[in-house]
Amino acid sequence: PTGTLCAERNAIGNALAADQTLRRKDIKAVAVLSITLSPSPQQGQGDEEDLGELALNPLDPCGACMEWLRKIAEVNPDFKVISFSDTNCNKVYITGVDYWQ
């Protein structure tokens, strides 16, 4: 959600910090997968299959992340967002940033 540091912005920020020669045009894609490591106490005890159902896949970028992704797409129109149907990655969705416009 907006107001937090989501995976997309974290990955991009870490990549830019790790390599000072990296530019927005060099970033080809960002992949997003929601993984639930353990159920909350309200959800009770479940097996691993239940945990996959708690995940939010396929996960769309939030508004703040979309701003960052659009900035990358401005200089790299081929930039892609990769998401998955579930934690087993049975289906892979590859979309351009314009998909959410």
PDB file of N, CA and C in Angstrom:
ATOM      1  N   PRO A   1       0.813  -1.203   0.000  1.00  0.00           N
ATOM      2  CA  PRO A   1       0.000   0.000   0.000  1.00  0.00           C
ATOM      3  C   PRO A   1       0.852   1.262   0.000  1.00  0.00           C
ATOM      4  N   THR A   2       0.301   2.318  -0.540  1.00  0.00           N
ATOM      5  CA  THR A   2       1.013   3.580  -0.581  1.00  0.00           C
ATOM      6  C   THR A   2       1.325   4.031   0.839  1.00  0.00           C
ATOM      7  N   GLY A   3       2.504   4.580   1.034  1.00  0.00           N
ATOM      8  CA  GLY A   3       2.937   4.986   2.365  1.00  0.00           C
ATOM      9  C   GLY A   3       3.946   4.027   2.945  1.00  0.00           C
ATOM     10  N   THR A   4       4.114   2.883   2.319  1.00  0.00           N
ATOM     11  CA  THR A   4       5.128   1.922   2.732  1.00  0.00           C
ATOM     12  C   THR A   4       6.156   1.812   1.615  1.00  0.00           C
ATOM     13  N   LEU A   5       7.226   1.122   1.870  1.00  0.00           N
ATOM     14  CA  LEU A   5       8.222   0.892   0.828  1.00  0.00           C
ATOM     15  C   LEU A   5       7.965  -0.487   0.239  1.00  0.00           C
ATOM     16  N   CYS A   6       7.268  -0.507  -0.865  1.00  0.00           N
ATOM     17  CA  CYS A   6       6.879  -1.762  -1.500  1.00  0.00           C
ATOM     18  C   CYS A   6       8.082  -2.435  -2.157  1.00  0.00           C
ATOM     19  N   ALA A   7       7.876  -3.679  -2.553  1.00  0.00           N
ATOM     20  CA  ALA A   7       8.941  -4.483  -3.147  1.00  0.00           C
ATOM     21  C   ALA A   7       9.503  -3.844  -4.417  1.00  0.00           C
ATOM     22  N   GLU A   8       8.629  -3.299  -5.259  1.00  0.00           N
ATOM     23  CA  GLU A   8       9.088  -2.728  -6.515  1.00  0.00           C
ATOM     24  C   GLU A   8      10.058  -1.574  -6.279  1.00  0.00           C
ATOM     25  N   ARG A   9       9.653  -0.637  -5.441  1.00  0.00           N
ATOM     26  CA  ARG A   9      10.519   0.520  -5.167  1.00  0.00           C
ATOM     27  C   ARG A   9      11.767   0.102  -4.412  1.00  0.00           C
ATOM     28  N   ASN A  10      11.647  -0.869  -3.533  1.00  0.00           N
ATOM     29  CA  ASN A  10      12.801  -1.364  -2.798  1.00  0.00           C
ATOM     30  C   ASN A  10      13.813  -1.996  -3.756  1.00  0.00           C
ATOM     31  N   ALA A  11      13.346  -2.835  -4.670  1.00  0.00           N
ATOM     32  CA  ALA A  11      14.238  -3.492  -5.630  1.00  0.00           C
ATOM     33  C   ALA A  11      14.928  -2.470  -6.537  1.00  0.00           C
ATOM     34  N   ILE A  12      14.165  -1.510  -7.031  1.00  0.00           N
ATOM     35  CA  ILE A  12      14.738  -0.496  -7.919  1.00  0.00           C
ATOM     36  C   ILE A  12      15.739   0.374  -7.153  1.00  0.00           C
ATOM     37  N   GLY A  13      15.361   0.799  -5.962  1.00  0.00           N
ATOM     38  CA  GLY A  13      16.258   1.626  -5.152  1.00  0.00           C
ATOM     39  C   GLY A  13      17.549   0.909  -4.803  1.00  0.00           C
ATOM     40  N   ASN A  14      17.447  -0.369  -4.430  1.00  0.00           N
ATOM     41  CA  ASN A  14      18.651  -1.144  -4.122  1.00  0.00           C
ATOM     42  C   ASN A  14      19.531  -1.330  -5.350  1.00  0.00           C
ATOM     43  N   ALA A  15      18.928  -1.565  -6.497  1.00  0.00           N
ATOM     44  CA  ALA A  15      19.708  -1.722  -7.728  1.00  0.00           C
ATOM     45  C   ALA A  15      20.455  -0.433  -8.063  1.00  0.00           C
ATOM     46  N   LEU A  16      19.766   0.706  -7.949  1.00  0.00           N
ATOM     47  CA  LEU A  16      20.401   1.991  -8.249  1.00  0.00           C
ATOM     48  C   LEU A  16      21.495   2.320  -7.232  1.00  0.00           C
ATOM     49  N   ALA A  17      21.280   1.961  -5.969  1.00  0.00           N
ATOM     50  CA  ALA A  17      22.294   2.225  -4.935  1.00  0.00           C
ATOM     51  C   ALA A  17      23.506   1.312  -5.092  1.00  0.00           C
ATOM     52  N   ALA A  18      23.285   0.081  -5.536  1.00  0.00           N
ATOM     53  CA  ALA A  18      24.367  -0.886  -5.669  1.00  0.00           C
ATOM     54  C   ALA A  18      25.265  -0.594  -6.867  1.00  0.00           C
ATOM     55  N   ASP A  19      24.714   0.024  -7.887  1.00  0.00           N
ATOM     56  CA  ASP A  19      25.485   0.305  -9.110  1.00  0.00           C
ATOM     57  C   ASP A  19      25.219   1.739  -9.531  1.00  0.00           C
ATOM     58  N   GLN A  20      26.152   2.616  -9.216  1.00  0.00           N
ATOM     59  CA  GLN A  20      25.951   4.041  -9.499  1.00  0.00           C
ATOM     60  C   GLN A  20      25.961   4.363 -10.979  1.00  0.00           C
ATOM     61  N   THR A  21      26.395   3.415 -11.827  1.00  0.00           N
ATOM     62  CA  THR A  21      26.359   3.640 -13.275  1.00  0.00           C
ATOM     63  C   THR A  21      25.012   3.231 -13.873  1.00  0.00           C
ATOM     64  N   LEU A  22      24.187   2.540 -13.098  1.00  0.00           N
ATOM     65  CA  LEU A  22      22.883   2.088 -13.568  1.00  0.00           C
ATOM     66  C   LEU A  22      21.950   3.283 -13.755  1.00  0.00           C
ATOM     67  N   ARG A  23      21.244   3.299 -14.860  1.00  0.00           N
ATOM     68  CA  ARG A  23      20.278   4.353 -15.171  1.00  0.00           C
ATOM     69  C   ARG A  23      18.906   3.728 -15.388  1.00  0.00           C
ATOM     70  N   ARG A  24      17.879   4.564 -15.335  1.00  0.00           N
ATOM     71  CA  ARG A  24      16.515   4.059 -15.531  1.00  0.00           C
ATOM     72  C   ARG A  24      16.379   3.270 -16.825  1.00  0.00           C
ATOM     73  N   LYS A  25      17.018   3.716 -17.875  1.00  0.00           N
ATOM     74  CA  LYS A  25      16.904   3.039 -19.170  1.00  0.00           C
ATOM     75  C   LYS A  25      17.510   1.641 -19.151  1.00  0.00           C
ATOM     76  N   ASP A  26      18.369   1.349 -18.168  1.00  0.00           N
ATOM     77  CA  ASP A  26      19.004   0.038 -18.066  1.00  0.00           C
ATOM     78  C   ASP A  26      18.113  -1.010 -17.391  1.00  0.00           C
ATOM     79  N   ILE A  27      17.078  -0.575 -16.692  1.00  0.00           N
ATOM     80  CA  ILE A  27      16.213  -1.501 -15.958  1.00  0.00           C
ATOM     81  C   ILE A  27      15.194  -2.086 -16.938  1.00  0.00           C
ATOM     82  N   LYS A  28      15.209  -3.393 -17.076  1.00  0.00           N
ATOM     83  CA  LYS A  28      14.376  -4.068 -18.083  1.00  0.00           C
ATOM     84  C   LYS A  28      13.020  -4.505 -17.543  1.00  0.00           C
ATOM     85  N   ALA A  29      12.960  -4.895 -16.255  1.00  0.00           N
ATOM     86  CA  ALA A  29      11.711  -5.415 -15.698  1.00  0.00           C
ATOM     87  C   ALA A  29      11.801  -5.439 -14.179  1.00  0.00           C
ATOM     88  N   VAL A  30      10.628  -5.556 -13.558  1.00  0.00           N
ATOM     89  CA  VAL A  30      10.545  -5.789 -12.122  1.00  0.00           C
ATOM     90  C   VAL A  30       9.516  -6.895 -11.923  1.00  0.00           C
ATOM     91  N   ALA A  31       9.838  -7.844 -11.046  1.00  0.00           N
ATOM     92  CA  ALA A  31       8.934  -8.962 -10.776  1.00  0.00           C
ATOM     93  C   ALA A  31       8.384  -8.830  -9.359  1.00  0.00           C
ATOM     94  N   VAL A  32       7.101  -9.156  -9.201  1.00  0.00           N
ATOM     95  CA  VAL A  32       6.441  -9.020  -7.908  1.00  0.00           C
ATOM     96  C   VAL A  32       5.713 -10.317  -7.581  1.00  0.00           C
ATOM     97  N   LEU A  33       5.994 -10.847  -6.379  1.00  0.00           N
ATOM     98  CA  LEU A  33       5.344 -12.066  -5.908  1.00  0.00           C
ATOM     99  C   LEU A  33       5.003 -11.878  -4.442  1.00  0.00           C
ATOM    100  N   SER A  34       3.742 -12.074  -4.093  1.00  0.00           N
ATOM    101  CA  SER A  34       3.316 -11.983  -2.702  1.00  0.00           C
ATOM    102  C   SER A  34       3.471 -13.352  -2.052  1.00  0.00           C
ATOM    103  N   ILE A  35       4.236 -13.378  -0.962  1.00  0.00           N
ATOM    104  CA  ILE A  35       4.445 -14.624  -0.222  1.00  0.00           C
ATOM    105  C   ILE A  35       4.021 -14.396   1.220  1.00  0.00           C
ATOM    106  N   THR A  36       3.167 -15.265   1.722  1.00  0.00           N
ATOM    107  CA  THR A  36       2.765 -15.210   3.119  1.00  0.00           C
ATOM    108  C   THR A  36       3.576 -16.267   3.855  1.00  0.00           C
ATOM    109  N   LEU A  37       4.420 -15.822   4.785  1.00  0.00           N
ATOM    110  CA  LEU A  37       5.308 -16.754   5.477  1.00  0.00           C
ATOM    111  C   LEU A  37       4.614 -17.522   6.583  1.00  0.00           C
ATOM    112  N   SER A  38       3.686 -16.892   7.259  1.00  0.00           N
ATOM    113  CA  SER A  38       2.946 -17.592   8.302  1.00  0.00           C
ATOM    114  C   SER A  38       1.609 -16.908   8.503  1.00  0.00           C
ATOM    115  N   PRO A  39       0.596 -17.650   8.880  1.00  0.00           N
ATOM    116  CA  PRO A  39      -0.718 -17.039   9.093  1.00  0.00           C
ATOM    117  C   PRO A  39      -0.718 -16.195  10.359  1.00  0.00           C
ATOM    118  N   SER A  40      -1.554 -15.200  10.360  1.00  0.00           N
ATOM    119  CA  SER A  40      -1.714 -14.409  11.575  1.00  0.00           C
ATOM    120  C   SER A  40      -2.514 -15.227  12.583  1.00  0.00           C
ATOM    121  N   PRO A  41      -2.454 -14.880  13.861  1.00  0.00           N
ATOM    122  CA  PRO A  41      -3.207 -15.655  14.861  1.00  0.00           C
ATOM    123  C   PRO A  41      -4.699 -15.732  14.564  1.00  0.00           C
ATOM    124  N   GLN A  42      -5.274 -14.706  13.929  1.00  0.00           N
ATOM    125  CA  GLN A  42      -6.701 -14.722  13.621  1.00  0.00           C
ATOM    126  C   GLN A  42      -7.032 -15.753  12.548  1.00  0.00           C
ATOM    127  N   GLN A  43      -6.050 -16.094  11.724  1.00  0.00           N
ATOM    128  CA  GLN A  43      -6.313 -17.017  10.623  1.00  0.00           C
ATOM    129  C   GLN A  43      -6.153 -18.468  11.049  1.00  0.00           C
ATOM    130  N   GLY A  44      -5.650 -18.700  12.245  1.00  0.00           N
ATOM    131  CA  GLY A  44      -5.528 -20.068  12.738  1.00  0.00           C
ATOM    132  C   GLY A  44      -4.377 -20.802  12.099  1.00  0.00           C
ATOM    133  N   GLN A  45      -4.365 -22.064  12.350  1.00  0.00           N
ATOM    134  CA  GLN A  45      -3.302 -22.917  11.816  1.00  0.00           C
ATOM    135  C   GLN A  45      -3.732 -23.458  10.466  1.00  0.00           C
ATOM    136  N   GLY A  46      -2.857 -23.317   9.490  1.00  0.00           N
ATOM    137  CA  GLY A  46      -3.155 -23.835   8.165  1.00  0.00           C
ATOM    138  C   GLY A  46      -1.935 -24.511   7.595  1.00  0.00           C
ATOM    139  N   ASP A  47      -2.153 -25.294   6.566  1.00  0.00           N
ATOM    140  CA  ASP A  47      -0.995 -25.920   5.944  1.00  0.00           C
ATOM    141  C   ASP A  47      -0.428 -24.981   4.890  1.00  0.00           C
ATOM    142  N   GLU A  48       0.615 -25.419   4.226  1.00  0.00           N
ATOM    143  CA  GLU A  48       1.304 -24.562   3.252  1.00  0.00           C
ATOM    144  C   GLU A  48       0.374 -24.140   2.132  1.00  0.00           C
ATOM    145  N   GLU A  49      -0.535 -25.006   1.717  1.00  0.00           N
ATOM    146  CA  GLU A  49      -1.476 -24.671   0.649  1.00  0.00           C
ATOM    147  C   GLU A  49      -2.363 -23.502   1.065  1.00  0.00           C
ATOM    148  N   ASP A  50      -2.798 -23.493   2.329  1.00  0.00           N
ATOM    149  CA  ASP A  50      -3.614 -22.391   2.832  1.00  0.00           C
ATOM    150  C   ASP A  50      -2.847 -21.075   2.785  1.00  0.00           C
ATOM    151  N   LEU A  51      -1.540 -21.122   3.062  1.00  0.00           N
ATOM    152  CA  LEU A  51      -0.733 -19.906   3.048  1.00  0.00           C
ATOM    153  C   LEU A  51      -0.706 -19.294   1.658  1.00  0.00           C
ATOM    154  N   GLY A  52      -0.647 -20.131   0.621  1.00  0.00           N
ATOM    155  CA  GLY A  52      -0.661 -19.629  -0.744  1.00  0.00           C
ATOM    156  C   GLY A  52      -1.943 -18.880  -1.054  1.00  0.00           C
ATOM    157  N   GLU A  53      -3.041 -19.319  -0.454  1.00  0.00           N
ATOM    158  CA  GLU A  53      -4.323 -18.663  -0.689  1.00  0.00           C
ATOM    159  C   GLU A  53      -4.383 -17.303  -0.009  1.00  0.00           C
ATOM    160  N   LEU A  54      -3.572 -17.084   1.039  1.00  0.00           N
ATOM    161  CA  LEU A  54      -3.556 -15.806   1.732  1.00  0.00           C
ATOM    162  C   LEU A  54      -2.768 -14.759   0.958  1.00  0.00           C
ATOM    163  N   ALA A  55      -1.892 -15.188   0.081  1.00  0.00           N
ATOM    164  CA  ALA A  55      -1.088 -14.260  -0.703  1.00  0.00           C
ATOM    165  C   ALA A  55      -1.995 -13.484  -1.660  1.00  0.00           C
ATOM    166  N   LEU A  56      -1.514 -12.370  -2.140  1.00  0.00           N
ATOM    167  CA  LEU A  56      -2.330 -11.447  -2.936  1.00  0.00           C
ATOM    168  C   LEU A  56      -2.057 -11.539  -4.433  1.00  0.00           C
ATOM    169  N   ASN A  57      -1.627 -12.673  -4.906  1.00  0.00           N
ATOM    170  CA  ASN A  57      -1.244 -12.815  -6.310  1.00  0.00           C
ATOM    171  C   ASN A  57      -2.447 -12.963  -7.225  1.00  0.00           C
ATOM    172  N   PRO A  58      -2.375 -12.499  -8.467  1.00  0.00           N
ATOM    173  CA  PRO A  58      -1.306 -11.654  -8.972  1.00  0.00           C
ATOM    174  C   PRO A  58      -1.394 -10.266  -8.339  1.00  0.00           C
ATOM    175  N   LEU A  59      -0.253  -9.723  -8.031  1.00  0.00           N
ATOM    176  CA  LEU A  59      -0.157  -8.476  -7.287  1.00  0.00           C
ATOM    177  C   LEU A  59       0.122  -7.316  -8.235  1.00  0.00           C
ATOM    178  N   ASP A  60      -0.763  -6.334  -8.253  1.00  0.00           N
ATOM    179  CA  ASP A  60      -0.571  -5.138  -9.077  1.00  0.00           C
ATOM    180  C   ASP A  60       0.228  -4.100  -8.295  1.00  0.00           C
ATOM    181  N   PRO A  61       1.015  -3.292  -8.985  1.00  0.00           N
ATOM    182  CA  PRO A  61       1.751  -2.223  -8.308  1.00  0.00           C
ATOM    183  C   PRO A  61       0.793  -1.195  -7.704  1.00  0.00           C
ATOM    184  N   CYS A  62       1.155  -0.657  -6.540  1.00  0.00           N
ATOM    185  CA  CYS A  62       0.346   0.402  -5.926  1.00  0.00           C
ATOM    186  C   CYS A  62       0.583   1.720  -6.673  1.00  0.00           C
ATOM    187  N   GLY A  63      -0.133   2.750  -6.297  1.00  0.00           N
ATOM    188  CA  GLY A  63      -0.014   4.040  -6.975  1.00  0.00           C
ATOM    189  C   GLY A  63       1.374   4.642  -6.907  1.00  0.00           C
ATOM    190  N   ALA A  64       2.015   4.584  -5.736  1.00  0.00           N
ATOM    191  CA  ALA A  64       3.365   5.140  -5.591  1.00  0.00           C
ATOM    192  C   ALA A  64       4.362   4.372  -6.462  1.00  0.00           C
ATOM    193  N   CYS A  65       4.227   3.055  -6.488  1.00  0.00           N
ATOM    194  CA  CYS A  65       5.116   2.247  -7.328  1.00  0.00           C
ATOM    195  C   CYS A  65       4.878   2.547  -8.807  1.00  0.00           C
ATOM    196  N   MET A  66       3.620   2.737  -9.180  1.00  0.00           N
ATOM    197  CA  MET A  66       3.315   3.037 -10.580  1.00  0.00           C
ATOM    198  C   MET A  66       3.996   4.321 -11.026  1.00  0.00           C
ATOM    199  N   GLU A  67       4.093   5.306 -10.129  1.00  0.00           N
ATOM    200  CA  GLU A  67       4.810   6.535 -10.476  1.00  0.00           C
ATOM    201  C   GLU A  67       6.261   6.220 -10.828  1.00  0.00           C
ATOM    202  N   TRP A  68       6.911   5.405 -10.006  1.00  0.00           N
ATOM    203  CA  TRP A  68       8.300   5.017 -10.272  1.00  0.00           C
ATOM    204  C   TRP A  68       8.394   4.234 -11.579  1.00  0.00           C
ATOM    205  N   LEU A  69       7.489   3.285 -11.784  1.00  0.00           N
ATOM    206  CA  LEU A  69       7.530   2.441 -12.973  1.00  0.00           C
ATOM    207  C   LEU A  69       7.273   3.255 -14.236  1.00  0.00           C
ATOM    208  N   ARG A  70       6.403   4.234 -14.154  1.00  0.00           N
ATOM    209  CA  ARG A  70       6.152   5.100 -15.314  1.00  0.00           C
ATOM    210  C   ARG A  70       7.385   5.934 -15.657  1.00  0.00           C
ATOM    211  N   LYS A  71       8.129   6.366 -14.632  1.00  0.00           N
ATOM    212  CA  LYS A  71       9.368   7.119 -14.872  1.00  0.00           C
ATOM    213  C   LYS A  71      10.383   6.249 -15.609  1.00  0.00           C
ATOM    214  N   ILE A  72      10.443   4.970 -15.257  1.00  0.00           N
ATOM    215  CA  ILE A  72      11.344   4.063 -15.970  1.00  0.00           C
ATOM    216  C   ILE A  72      10.850   3.866 -17.399  1.00  0.00           C
ATOM    217  N   ALA A  73       9.545   3.670 -17.569  1.00  0.00           N
ATOM    218  CA  ALA A  73       8.970   3.429 -18.898  1.00  0.00           C
ATOM    219  C   ALA A  73       9.124   4.642 -19.818  1.00  0.00           C
ATOM    220  N   GLU A  74       9.237   5.839 -19.236  1.00  0.00           N
ATOM    221  CA  GLU A  74       9.456   7.036 -20.068  1.00  0.00           C
ATOM    222  C   GLU A  74      10.743   6.918 -20.880  1.00  0.00           C
ATOM    223  N   VAL A  75      11.781   6.348 -20.299  1.00  0.00           N
ATOM    224  CA  VAL A  75      13.071   6.231 -20.986  1.00  0.00           C
ATOM    225  C   VAL A  75      13.317   4.817 -21.520  1.00  0.00           C
ATOM    226  N   ASN A  76      12.474   3.861 -21.116  1.00  0.00           N
ATOM    227  CA  ASN A  76      12.581   2.487 -21.583  1.00  0.00           C
ATOM    228  C   ASN A  76      11.176   1.951 -21.837  1.00  0.00           C
ATOM    229  N   PRO A  77      10.623   2.240 -23.020  1.00  0.00           N
ATOM    230  CA  PRO A  77       9.243   1.830 -23.313  1.00  0.00           C
ATOM    231  C   PRO A  77       9.026   0.314 -23.287  1.00  0.00           C
ATOM    232  N   ASP A  78      10.091  -0.473 -23.353  1.00  0.00           N
ATOM    233  CA  ASP A  78       9.969  -1.929 -23.316  1.00  0.00           C
ATOM    234  C   ASP A  78       9.980  -2.482 -21.893  1.00  0.00           C
ATOM    235  N   PHE A  79      10.049  -1.625 -20.889  1.00  0.00           N
ATOM    236  CA  PHE A  79      10.065  -2.041 -19.489  1.00  0.00           C
ATOM    237  C   PHE A  79       8.818  -2.868 -19.168  1.00  0.00           C
ATOM    238  N   LYS A  80       8.987  -3.964 -18.431  1.00  0.00           N
ATOM    239  CA  LYS A  80       7.887  -4.873 -18.123  1.00  0.00           C
ATOM    240  C   LYS A  80       7.710  -5.053 -16.620  1.00  0.00           C
ATOM    241  N   VAL A  81       6.476  -5.349 -16.228  1.00  0.00           N
ATOM    242  CA  VAL A  81       6.138  -5.729 -14.856  1.00  0.00           C
ATOM    243  C   VAL A  81       5.739  -7.201 -14.914  1.00  0.00           C
ATOM    244  N   ILE A  82       6.389  -8.012 -14.102  1.00  0.00           N
ATOM    245  CA  ILE A  82       6.146  -9.451 -14.096  1.00  0.00           C
ATOM    246  C   ILE A  82       5.455  -9.812 -12.787  1.00  0.00           C
ATOM    247  N   SER A  83       4.340 -10.519 -12.883  1.00  0.00           N
ATOM    248  CA  SER A  83       3.645 -10.999 -11.685  1.00  0.00           C
ATOM    249  C   SER A  83       3.257 -12.456 -11.923  1.00  0.00           C
ATOM    250  N   PHE A  84       2.795 -13.096 -10.860  1.00  0.00           N
ATOM    251  CA  PHE A  84       2.565 -14.534 -10.895  1.00  0.00           C
ATOM    252  C   PHE A  84       1.188 -14.861 -10.332  1.00  0.00           C
ATOM    253  N   SER A  85       0.629 -15.985 -10.784  1.00  0.00           N
ATOM    254  CA  SER A  85      -0.717 -16.387 -10.357  1.00  0.00           C
ATOM    255  C   SER A  85      -0.745 -16.835  -8.904  1.00  0.00           C
ATOM    256  N   ASP A  86       0.340 -17.404  -8.440  1.00  0.00           N
ATOM    257  CA  ASP A  86       0.399 -17.938  -7.079  1.00  0.00           C
ATOM    258  C   ASP A  86       1.862 -18.163  -6.706  1.00  0.00           C
ATOM    259  N   THR A  87       2.086 -18.634  -5.491  1.00  0.00           N
ATOM    260  CA  THR A  87       3.462 -18.819  -5.027  1.00  0.00           C
ATOM    261  C   THR A  87       4.176 -19.969  -5.732  1.00  0.00           C
ATOM    262  N   ASN A  88       3.450 -20.804  -6.434  1.00  0.00           N
ATOM    263  CA  ASN A  88       4.071 -21.852  -7.251  1.00  0.00           C
ATOM    264  C   ASN A  88       4.448 -21.332  -8.633  1.00  0.00           C
ATOM    265  N   CYS A  89       4.048 -20.100  -8.927  1.00  0.00           N
ATOM    266  CA  CYS A  89       4.333 -19.458 -10.221  1.00  0.00           C
ATOM    267  C   CYS A  89       3.796 -20.284 -11.386  1.00  0.00           C
ATOM    268  N   ASN A  90       2.592 -20.838 -11.212  1.00  0.00           N
ATOM    269  CA  ASN A  90       1.978 -21.651 -12.261  1.00  0.00           C
ATOM    270  C   ASN A  90       1.708 -20.846 -13.527  1.00  0.00           C
ATOM    271  N   LYS A  91       1.368 -19.577 -13.359  1.00  0.00           N
ATOM    272  CA  LYS A  91       1.160 -18.682 -14.500  1.00  0.00           C
ATOM    273  C   LYS A  91       2.005 -17.442 -14.275  1.00  0.00           C
ATOM    274  N   VAL A  92       2.586 -16.939 -15.350  1.00  0.00           N
ATOM    275  CA  VAL A  92       3.401 -15.738 -15.299  1.00  0.00           C
ATOM    276  C   VAL A  92       2.729 -14.688 -16.169  1.00  0.00           C
ATOM    277  N   TYR A  93       2.547 -13.493 -15.614  1.00  0.00           N
ATOM    278  CA  TYR A  93       1.941 -12.377 -16.344  1.00  0.00           C
ATOM    279  C   TYR A  93       3.009 -11.335 -16.595  1.00  0.00           C
ATOM    280  N   ILE A  94       3.208 -10.997 -17.868  1.00  0.00           N
ATOM    281  CA  ILE A  94       4.196  -9.991 -18.245  1.00  0.00           C
ATOM    282  C   ILE A  94       3.447  -8.872 -18.945  1.00  0.00           C
ATOM    283  N   THR A  95       3.482  -7.691 -18.336  1.00  0.00           N
ATOM    284  CA  THR A  95       2.736  -6.557 -18.887  1.00  0.00           C
ATOM    285  C   THR A  95       3.625  -5.322 -18.945  1.00  0.00           C
ATOM    286  N   GLY A  96       3.266  -4.438 -19.831  1.00  0.00           N
ATOM    287  CA  GLY A  96       3.905  -3.132 -19.874  1.00  0.00           C
ATOM    288  C   GLY A  96       3.219  -2.214 -18.880  1.00  0.00           C
ATOM    289  N   VAL A  97       3.869  -1.121 -18.560  1.00  0.00           N
ATOM    290  CA  VAL A  97       3.316  -0.172 -17.595  1.00  0.00           C
ATOM    291  C   VAL A  97       2.007   0.431 -18.110  1.00  0.00           C
ATOM    292  N   ASP A  98       1.870   0.548 -19.418  1.00  0.00           N
ATOM    293  CA  ASP A  98       0.654   1.127 -19.994  1.00  0.00           C
ATOM    294  C   ASP A  98      -0.588   0.269 -19.731  1.00  0.00           C
ATOM    295  N   TYR A  99      -0.423  -0.954 -19.307  1.00  0.00           N
ATOM    296  CA  TYR A  99      -1.541  -1.842 -18.982  1.00  0.00           C
ATOM    297  C   TYR A  99      -2.425  -1.223 -17.899  1.00  0.00           C
ATOM    298  N   TRP A 100      -1.854  -0.477 -16.958  1.00  0.00           N
ATOM    299  CA  TRP A 100      -2.597   0.110 -15.834  1.00  0.00           C
ATOM    300  C   TRP A 100      -3.057   1.528 -16.098  1.00  0.00           C
ATOM    301  N   GLN A 101      -2.896   2.028 -17.298  1.00  0.00           N
ATOM    302  CA  GLN A 101      -3.304   3.411 -17.574  1.00  0.00           C
ATOM    303  C   GLN A 101      -4.736   3.492 -18.015  1.00  0.00           C
TER     304      GLN A 101
END
